[in-house]
PDB file of N, CA and C in Angstrom:
ATOM      1  N   MET A   1     121.494 135.007  98.423  1.00  0.00           N
ATOM      2  CA  MET A   1     120.136 135.396  98.730  1.00  0.00           C
ATOM      3  C   MET A   1     120.390 136.855  99.475  1.00  0.00           C
ATOM      4  N   SER A   2     119.785 137.847  98.971  1.00  0.00           N
ATOM      5  CA  SER A   2     119.915 139.195  99.584  1.00  0.00           C
ATOM      6  C   SER A   2     118.716 139.747 100.192  1.00  0.00           C
ATOM      7  N   ASP A   3     118.664 140.659 101.008  1.00  0.00           N
ATOM      8  CA  ASP A   3     117.513 141.243 101.508  1.00  0.00           C
ATOM      9  C   ASP A   3     116.840 142.108 100.635  1.00  0.00           C
ATOM     10  N   GLY A   4     115.635 142.660 100.981  1.00  0.00           N
ATOM     11  CA  GLY A   4     114.924 143.432  99.892  1.00  0.00           C
ATOM     12  C   GLY A   4     115.066 144.985 100.038  1.00  0.00           C
ATOM     13  N   ARG A   5     116.139 145.467 100.737  1.00  0.00           N
ATOM     14  CA  ARG A   5     116.146 146.939 100.941  1.00  0.00           C
ATOM     15  C   ARG A   5     116.933 147.607  99.847  1.00  0.00           C
ATOM     16  N   GLN A   6     117.542 146.923  98.862  1.00  0.00           N
ATOM     17  CA  GLN A   6     118.175 147.590  97.796  1.00  0.00           C
ATOM     18  C   GLN A   6     117.476 147.479  96.415  1.00  0.00           C
ATOM     19  N   ARG A   7     116.921 148.509  95.802  1.00  0.00           N
ATOM     20  CA  ARG A   7     116.187 148.557  94.661  1.00  0.00           C
ATOM     21  C   ARG A   7     116.889 147.784  93.373  1.00  0.00           C
ATOM     22  N   CYS A   8     118.257 147.968  93.535  1.00  0.00           N
ATOM     23  CA  CYS A   8     119.116 147.477  92.224  1.00  0.00           C
ATOM     24  C   CYS A   8     119.034 145.889  92.334  1.00  0.00           C
ATOM     25  N   ALA A   9     118.849 145.182  93.251  1.00  0.00           N
ATOM     26  CA  ALA A   9     118.856 143.704  93.335  1.00  0.00           C
ATOM     27  C   ALA A   9     117.518 143.110  92.986  1.00  0.00           C
ATOM     28  N   ILE A  10     116.564 144.160  92.586  1.00  0.00           N
ATOM     29  CA  ILE A  10     115.070 143.747  92.468  1.00  0.00           C
ATOM     30  C   ILE A  10     114.662 144.230  90.972  1.00  0.00           C
ATOM     31  N   ARG A  11     114.249 143.313  90.112  1.00  0.00           N
ATOM     32  CA  ARG A  11     113.557 143.613  88.979  1.00  0.00           C
ATOM     33  C   ARG A  11     112.636 142.609  88.350  1.00  0.00           C
ATOM     34  N   PRO A  12     111.746 143.065  87.571  1.00  0.00           N
ATOM     35  CA  PRO A  12     110.683 142.185  87.116  1.00  0.00           C
ATOM     36  C   PRO A  12     111.418 140.851  86.636  1.00  0.00           C
ATOM     37  N   GLY A  13     110.789 139.725  87.022  1.00  0.00           N
ATOM     38  CA  GLY A  13     111.105 138.378  86.561  1.00  0.00           C
ATOM     39  C   GLY A  13     111.924 137.751  87.814  1.00  0.00           C
ATOM     40  N   VAL A  14     112.156 138.310  88.789  1.00  0.00           N
ATOM     41  CA  VAL A  14     113.031 137.915  89.945  1.00  0.00           C
ATOM     42  C   VAL A  14     112.204 137.429  91.026  1.00  0.00           C
ATOM     43  N   ARG A  15     112.321 136.133  91.556  1.00  0.00           N
ATOM     44  CA  ARG A  15     111.711 135.300  92.586  1.00  0.00           C
ATOM     45  C   ARG A  15     111.964 135.983  93.979  1.00  0.00           C
ATOM     46  N   VAL A  16     110.963 136.462  94.819  1.00  0.00           N
ATOM     47  CA  VAL A  16     111.175 137.127  96.025  1.00  0.00           C
ATOM     48  C   VAL A  16     110.217 136.684  97.033  1.00  0.00           C
ATOM     49  N   ALA A  17     110.566 136.893  98.358  1.00  0.00           N
ATOM     50  CA  ALA A  17     109.501 136.559  99.349  1.00  0.00           C
ATOM     51  C   ALA A  17     109.074 138.146  99.906  1.00  0.00           C
ATOM     52  N   ILE A  18     107.830 138.182 100.002  1.00  0.00           N
ATOM     53  CA  ILE A  18     107.244 139.534 100.424  1.00  0.00           C
ATOM     54  C   ILE A  18     106.465 139.361 101.704  1.00  0.00           C
ATOM     55  N   VAL A  19     106.290 140.594 102.365  1.00  0.00           N
ATOM     56  CA  VAL A  19     105.352 140.572 103.420  1.00  0.00           C
ATOM     57  C   VAL A  19     104.250 141.561 103.051  1.00  0.00           C
ATOM     58  N   GLN A  20     102.932 141.077 102.801  1.00  0.00           N
ATOM     59  CA  GLN A  20     101.811 142.040 102.624  1.00  0.00           C
ATOM     60  C   GLN A  20     101.394 142.912 103.820  1.00  0.00           C
ATOM     61  N   LYS A  21     100.860 143.847 103.481  1.00  0.00           N
ATOM     62  CA  LYS A  21     100.469 144.882 104.579  1.00  0.00           C
ATOM     63  C   LYS A  21      99.809 144.262 105.868  1.00  0.00           C
ATOM     64  N   GLN A  22      98.683 143.255 105.361  1.00  0.00           N
ATOM     65  CA  GLN A  22      97.837 142.743 106.459  1.00  0.00           C
ATOM     66  C   GLN A  22      98.828 141.671 107.433  1.00  0.00           C
ATOM     67  N   ASP A  23      99.944 141.357 106.931  1.00  0.00           N
ATOM     68  CA  ASP A  23     100.827 140.343 107.617  1.00  0.00           C
ATOM     69  C   ASP A  23     101.958 140.955 108.218  1.00  0.00           C
ATOM     70  N   GLN A  24     102.150 142.306 108.158  1.00  0.00           N
ATOM     71  CA  GLN A  24     103.303 143.030 108.739  1.00  0.00           C
ATOM     72  C   GLN A  24     103.488 142.601 110.340  1.00  0.00           C
ATOM     73  N   ARG A  25     102.403 142.541 111.063  1.00  0.00           N
ATOM     74  CA  ARG A  25     102.580 142.238 112.590  1.00  0.00           C
ATOM     75  C   ARG A  25     103.124 140.777 112.789  1.00  0.00           C
ATOM     76  N   THR A  26     102.731 140.025 111.947  1.00  0.00           N
ATOM     77  CA  THR A  26     103.185 138.656 112.224  1.00  0.00           C
ATOM     78  C   THR A  26     104.409 138.162 111.372  1.00  0.00           C
ATOM     79  N   GLY A  27     104.737 138.896 110.361  1.00  0.00           N
ATOM     80  CA  GLY A  27     105.870 138.630 109.612  1.00  0.00           C
ATOM     81  C   GLY A  27     105.765 137.632 108.595  1.00  0.00           C
ATOM     82  N   ARG A  28     104.485 137.060 108.231  1.00  0.00           N
ATOM     83  CA  ARG A  28     104.335 135.894 107.340  1.00  0.00           C
ATOM     84  C   ARG A  28     104.622 136.421 105.892  1.00  0.00           C
ATOM     85  N   THR A  29     105.427 135.661 105.388  1.00  0.00           N
ATOM     86  CA  THR A  29     105.805 135.818 103.960  1.00  0.00           C
ATOM     87  C   THR A  29     105.162 134.985 102.851  1.00  0.00           C
ATOM     88  N   VAL A  30     105.139 135.511 101.684  1.00  0.00           N
ATOM     89  CA  VAL A  30     104.726 134.840 100.618  1.00  0.00           C
ATOM     90  C   VAL A  30     105.677 134.917  99.443  1.00  0.00           C
ATOM     91  N   GLU A  31     105.799 133.876  98.723  1.00  0.00           N
ATOM     92  CA  GLU A  31     106.756 133.920  97.606  1.00  0.00           C
ATOM     93  C   GLU A  31     106.051 134.147  96.303  1.00  0.00           C
ATOM     94  N   GLY A  32     106.768 134.786  95.318  1.00  0.00           N
ATOM     95  CA  GLY A  32     106.301 135.048  94.049  1.00  0.00           C
ATOM     96  C   GLY A  32     107.440 135.614  93.185  1.00  0.00           C
ATOM     97  N   VAL A  33     106.897 136.110  91.920  1.00  0.00           N
ATOM     98  CA  VAL A  33     107.790 136.604  90.877  1.00  0.00           C
ATOM     99  C   VAL A  33     107.336 138.100  90.676  1.00  0.00           C
ATOM    100  N   VAL A  34     108.300 138.797  90.619  1.00  0.00           N
ATOM    101  CA  VAL A  34     108.111 140.376  90.560  1.00  0.00           C
ATOM    102  C   VAL A  34     107.553 140.698  89.091  1.00  0.00           C
ATOM    103  N   ALA A  35     106.391 141.348  89.147  1.00  0.00           N
ATOM    104  CA  ALA A  35     105.913 142.000  88.019  1.00  0.00           C
ATOM    105  C   ALA A  35     106.291 143.461  87.746  1.00  0.00           C
ATOM    106  N   ALA A  36     106.410 144.289  88.949  1.00  0.00           N
ATOM    107  CA  ALA A  36     106.745 145.551  88.739  1.00  0.00           C
ATOM    108  C   ALA A  36     107.221 146.092  90.195  1.00  0.00           C
ATOM    109  N   VAL A  37     108.057 146.917  90.044  1.00  0.00           N
ATOM    110  CA  VAL A  37     108.641 147.504  91.295  1.00  0.00           C
ATOM    111  C   VAL A  37     108.071 148.990  91.444  1.00  0.00           C
ATOM    112  N   LEU A  38     107.365 148.942  92.724  1.00  0.00           N
ATOM    113  CA  LEU A  38     106.766 150.264  93.050  1.00  0.00           C
ATOM    114  C   LEU A  38     107.343 151.236  93.737  1.00  0.00           C
ATOM    115  N   THR A  39     108.485 151.009  94.460  1.00  0.00           N
ATOM    116  CA  THR A  39     109.131 151.913  95.235  1.00  0.00           C
ATOM    117  C   THR A  39     110.186 152.641  94.279  1.00  0.00           C
ATOM    118  N   ARG A  40     110.140 154.031  94.336  1.00  0.00           N
ATOM    119  CA  ARG A  40     111.133 154.856  93.503  1.00  0.00           C
ATOM    120  C   ARG A  40     112.391 155.040  93.872  1.00  0.00           C
ATOM    121  N   SER A  41     112.588 155.071  95.283  1.00  0.00           N
ATOM    122  CA  SER A  41     113.999 155.212  95.799  1.00  0.00           C
ATOM    123  C   SER A  41     114.880 154.108  95.661  1.00  0.00           C
ATOM    124  N   ALA A  42     116.288 154.424  95.785  1.00  0.00           N
ATOM    125  CA  ALA A  42     117.220 153.317  95.758  1.00  0.00           C
ATOM    126  C   ALA A  42     117.092 152.398  96.757  1.00  0.00           C
ATOM    127  N   THR A  43     116.671 152.772  97.957  1.00  0.00           N
ATOM    128  CA  THR A  43     116.701 151.885  99.103  1.00  0.00           C
ATOM    129  C   THR A  43     115.557 152.211  99.913  1.00  0.00           C
ATOM    130  N   HIS A  44     115.093 151.431 100.823  1.00  0.00           N
ATOM    131  CA  HIS A  44     114.032 151.530 101.691  1.00  0.00           C
ATOM    132  C   HIS A  44     114.234 150.865 103.018  1.00  0.00           C
ATOM    133  N   PRO A  45     114.172 151.192 104.183  1.00  0.00           N
ATOM    134  CA  PRO A  45     114.532 150.603 105.436  1.00  0.00           C
ATOM    135  C   PRO A  45     113.673 149.452 105.762  1.00  0.00           C
ATOM    136  N   TYR A  46     112.283 149.372 105.185  1.00  0.00           N
ATOM    137  CA  TYR A  46     111.465 148.242 105.317  1.00  0.00           C
ATOM    138  C   TYR A  46     111.276 147.223 104.266  1.00  0.00           C
ATOM    139  N   GLY A  47     111.977 147.603 103.163  1.00  0.00           N
ATOM    140  CA  GLY A  47     112.000 146.607 101.884  1.00  0.00           C
ATOM    141  C   GLY A  47     111.346 147.446 100.849  1.00  0.00           C
ATOM    142  N   ILE A  48     111.763 147.036  99.693  1.00  0.00           N
ATOM    143  CA  ILE A  48     111.240 147.663  98.298  1.00  0.00           C
ATOM    144  C   ILE A  48     109.788 147.270  98.173  1.00  0.00           C
ATOM    145  N   LYS A  49     108.919 148.097  97.845  1.00  0.00           N
ATOM    146  CA  LYS A  49     107.493 147.494  97.546  1.00  0.00           C
ATOM    147  C   LYS A  49     107.461 147.059  96.003  1.00  0.00           C
ATOM    148  N   VAL A  50     106.874 145.971  95.972  1.00  0.00           N
ATOM    149  CA  VAL A  50     106.592 145.354  94.549  1.00  0.00           C
ATOM    150  C   VAL A  50     105.221 144.754  94.493  1.00  0.00           C
ATOM    151  N   ARG A  51     104.845 144.755  93.120  1.00  0.00           N
ATOM    152  CA  ARG A  51     103.653 143.835  92.630  1.00  0.00           C
ATOM    153  C   ARG A  51     103.985 142.624  91.993  1.00  0.00           C
ATOM    154  N   LEU A  52     103.725 141.603  92.569  1.00  0.00           N
ATOM    155  CA  LEU A  52     103.983 140.064  91.965  1.00  0.00           C
ATOM    156  C   LEU A  52     102.982 139.940  90.862  1.00  0.00           C
ATOM    157  N   VAL A  53     103.294 138.867  90.021  1.00  0.00           N
ATOM    158  CA  VAL A  53     102.697 138.611  88.727  1.00  0.00           C
ATOM    159  C   VAL A  53     101.291 138.218  88.979  1.00  0.00           C
ATOM    160  N   ASP A  54     100.948 137.797  90.283  1.00  0.00           N
ATOM    161  CA  ASP A  54      99.602 137.251  90.552  1.00  0.00           C
ATOM    162  C   ASP A  54      98.885 138.537  91.288  1.00  0.00           C
ATOM    163  N   GLY A  55      99.320 139.680  91.333  1.00  0.00           N
ATOM    164  CA  GLY A  55      98.631 140.836  91.784  1.00  0.00           C
ATOM    165  C   GLY A  55      98.821 141.169  93.187  1.00  0.00           C
ATOM    166  N   ARG A  56      99.456 140.401  93.964  1.00  0.00           N
ATOM    167  CA  ARG A  56      99.866 140.737  95.344  1.00  0.00           C
ATOM    168  C   ARG A  56     100.638 141.747  95.465  1.00  0.00           C
ATOM    169  N   VAL A  57     100.694 142.684  96.559  1.00  0.00           N
ATOM    170  CA  VAL A  57     101.620 143.789  96.716  1.00  0.00           C
ATOM    171  C   VAL A  57     102.156 143.538  98.178  1.00  0.00           C
ATOM    172  N   GLY A  58     103.508 143.867  98.279  1.00  0.00           N
ATOM    173  CA  GLY A  58     104.028 143.770  99.441  1.00  0.00           C
ATOM    174  C   GLY A  58     105.519 144.164  99.365  1.00  0.00           C
ATOM    175  N   ARG A  59     106.041 144.315 100.686  1.00  0.00           N
ATOM    176  CA  ARG A  59     107.590 144.700 100.690  1.00  0.00           C
ATOM    177  C   ARG A  59     108.636 143.420 100.696  1.00  0.00           C
ATOM    178  N   VAL A  60     109.493 143.571  99.985  1.00  0.00           N
ATOM    179  CA  VAL A  60     110.467 142.372  99.770  1.00  0.00           C
ATOM    180  C   VAL A  60     111.312 142.306 101.104  1.00  0.00           C
ATOM    181  N   LYS A  61     111.322 140.990 101.473  1.00  0.00           N
ATOM    182  CA  LYS A  61     112.035 140.646 102.723  1.00  0.00           C
ATOM    183  C   LYS A  61     113.217 139.819 102.244  1.00  0.00           C
ATOM    184  N   ALA A  62     113.182 139.165 101.129  1.00  0.00           N
ATOM    185  CA  ALA A  62     114.376 138.283 100.670  1.00  0.00           C
ATOM    186  C   ALA A  62     114.365 138.167  99.105  1.00  0.00           C
ATOM    187  N   VAL A  63     115.476 138.295  98.438  1.00  0.00           N
ATOM    188  CA  VAL A  63     115.449 137.971  97.022  1.00  0.00           C
ATOM    189  C   VAL A  63     115.920 136.444  96.856  1.00  0.00           C
ATOM    190  N   LEU A  64     115.003 135.710  96.290  1.00  0.00           N
ATOM    191  CA  LEU A  64     115.324 134.297  96.178  1.00  0.00           C
ATOM    192  C   LEU A  64     115.980 133.680  95.061  1.00  0.00           C
ATOM    193  N   GLY A  65     115.815 134.494  93.978  1.00  0.00           N
ATOM    194  CA  GLY A  65     116.721 134.087  92.602  1.00  0.00           C
ATOM    195  C   GLY A  65     116.026 134.600  91.406  1.00  0.00           C
ATOM    196  N   ASP A  66     116.588 134.332  90.304  1.00  0.00           N
ATOM    197  CA  ASP A  66     116.089 134.736  89.050  1.00  0.00           C
ATOM    198  C   ASP A  66     115.544 133.699  88.444  1.00  0.00           C
ATOM    199  N   THR A  67     114.233 133.940  87.891  1.00  0.00           N
ATOM    200  CA  THR A  67     113.259 132.863  87.254  1.00  0.00           C
ATOM    201  C   THR A  67     113.587 132.631  85.803  1.00  0.00           C
ATOM    202  N   HIS A  68     114.500 133.473  85.261  1.00  0.00           N
ATOM    203  CA  HIS A  68     114.937 133.127  83.798  1.00  0.00           C
ATOM    204  C   HIS A  68     115.941 132.051  83.725  1.00  0.00           C
ATOM    205  N   SER A  69     116.702 131.668  84.879  1.00  0.00           N
ATOM    206  CA  SER A  69     117.670 130.659  84.693  1.00  0.00           C
ATOM    207  C   SER A  69     117.062 129.110  84.878  1.00  0.00           C
ATOM    208  N   SER A  70     115.783 129.165  85.471  1.00  0.00           N
ATOM    209  CA  SER A  70     115.152 127.797  85.785  1.00  0.00           C
ATOM    210  C   SER A  70     114.160 127.502  84.615  1.00  0.00           C
ATOM    211  N   THR A  71     113.785 126.352  84.374  1.00  0.00           N
ATOM    212  CA  THR A  71     112.734 125.813  83.513  1.00  0.00           C
ATOM    213  C   THR A  71     111.576 125.625  84.191  1.00  0.00           C
ATOM    214  N   THR A  72     110.467 126.499  84.095  1.00  0.00           N
ATOM    215  CA  THR A  72     109.290 126.222  84.807  1.00  0.00           C
ATOM    216  C   THR A  72     108.184 126.165  83.798  1.00  0.00           C
TER     217      THR A  72
END
């Protein structure tokens, strides 16, 4: 499991934990599958911004794994 500051570790289809804008103070994370990577730079100190398949947007705090390897 890696942190979400490196863009190369994050691509569509990867399961991640993100912090949404309204939860930045509390640090509450939600899990989901990446639909799109929104940050253009290779790294970001607060985490790469992504859009999940359910539409939520936030910064990646942890990369949890690849969804292609599991059967769901």
